[in-house]
Amino acid sequence: MNVYLRLLFATGLLLPACADRDPKLDQPLQVRAPVEVGGSLLLLDTTRERIDVVGSTGHAPTLSHLAFAGQPTQQVRTADGARLLWLDTPARKVSVATPTWVRSQPLGSPFSGLQLSDDGAYAVAWHTPQASADALVNPAEVALLDAQGLAPPRAATITGLARQALAAHVSPPVDLPGGQHRLVWVDAPSMMGLADFGPTGVRTAVVQLTASAATTDVTPRASVARVQPNGIDLYVVAQGTGDVLHLRIGLSTDQIDVSIDQIAAGTAPVDLHVYEQKSGGLRVLTANAGSHDVALLDPTTGTGFTVALDIAPAKILPFTDGTHNWAAIWAPGYSSLSIADLDQLAKKKGKALSLVTTEQPIRGIVPAGARLLLLHDSATAGLSIYDAGTTQLTSFKGTGQVVDLRVVAGNAYLLGSTNGQSRISRISLSDLHGSSLTMAESGAGLHTFGTSGIAISGQGLGGWWLATFPDGTLDASKANFLEGFTLSGIYGGVQ
């Protein structure tokens, strides 16, 4: 079958177009990389305007197709992996897909930016700085999108937002006496646009962003929203200021009411984490790249303290085993990171931080309960695992250069590349036992497949191929290899 499909693909390129053939079939085949959605893999074929759906039912994979039209320009997946959303900027529409259906809604403007709410119920579309010059757009316009694809988009123009929108976000639901609200906030240099989408209409406002020590534009870098009884509290760190900006946004009156508090954090805060302490009380943790420290702040009193670090931090990654709470404070390229015990930080201060040193520079981190999977740029030792519960660091050899990683059903799977071949490795997160399987094909991606399975994807003469391991066991005799399925329907190919 695989040999037949390779020959079919190679010779098919030389065949002339038939009079009754769809002209689209004679265009270069453009199939997007697989995306995990609802336990299946979706591949968007923009040439034939269909989605190839590879599903997991028992041992053997299944193949089905969904029709869609257009050219996806920006796509996002809900946090639970149940739905895929994408914008088609030239066609002015938004689409939502699962393994069994596709829904589309028209947009009134060629939006190019797309961001989901944390709960995956809504998304916001806006005009990015890279928006196409082929269409006249109002950069102050946004649209709230139903992430189920059922309700039509709701658009709003934020009057007074005179600077270019850099990003847009959607709040969690705010339940008020008149119904549910969603707040959209738009980041721009020295200002923030607000659009309150309520049950009966939309209200907008613009907030000027200034800070006590700011001498340049105050441009938001990261923000966190917390729902309050009458609206939203928004915590913002921004380029151009060492303060955390605390915006109290009231939505319960006839207009949007905004007040701003400024809490000194440090030099050049770049990220933040807002959390409720076990002992009570909200705290804001900031990573301050300019002063090489972290700050823990009490937004109620405006007080706090800093703890020095060995690195210039760039990111804060909270993680938990369900009982205890930590945060990794790190930056790509360093061979160390700090672990903050969030349950003890306010009391023990610097003693609640521990330094973890690795053999190789860190380029990425994936949390898995109390463990952190640390990815390194190394052809031989691409992974180490840190256990915050035991403070043990384990380095794994022979992984190859890590291409992709997934955590599935208590196991970590790594796709590594070594000597032109792919090596798939499985590490049990209960006892850290490892096993691996070498493949002749060069894989490009790793995907969760079904509830406990794993799949490898790559490209060859037969288009995209998939190697699936239905129960996650790395046993070549139990694997399924699919090749040529993206060519089905071409020159009498497999359907």
Foldseek 3Di string as FASTA:
>chain_A
DQVVLLVCLVVLLVDDDDPPDDVLLNDPWDWADWDQAPQWTWIQTASQQKIWIWADDPQDIDTDIGGGYADFQDKDAQPVRHKIKTARQVQQKIWIDGSPDIAMAHHPHSFRDWDAANRRQKIKTFHAPPHDPPDDDDRQKMWIGGNVNPDHIDMDGAPPPPFHFHDKYWYDWQQDPVGIWIWMWTWGWQKIKIWIQGPPGIAIDMDGDDDDQFDGTWTWQDKDWDHDNFGIWIWTHTPRDQWTWTWDWGDHDPHTDIDIDTAGWDAAWRDWDWDAAPVGAIWIWTQHQVQQWIWIAHVVVSDTDIDHHPHRWHDWAWAALVPWIWIWTHDFPAQKIKIARRNCCVPPPNVRIDMDGHPATFHDWDDDHQKIWTAHQDQFWGTWIAGNVVRDIGTDTRQGRWQEWDQAPQKIWTWHDDPNWTKIKIAHNVPRDIDIDIDNHRFRYKDRHHRQKIKTWDQDSLGIKIWIQSNHDPDPVSIDIDGNPSVPPRPNDND
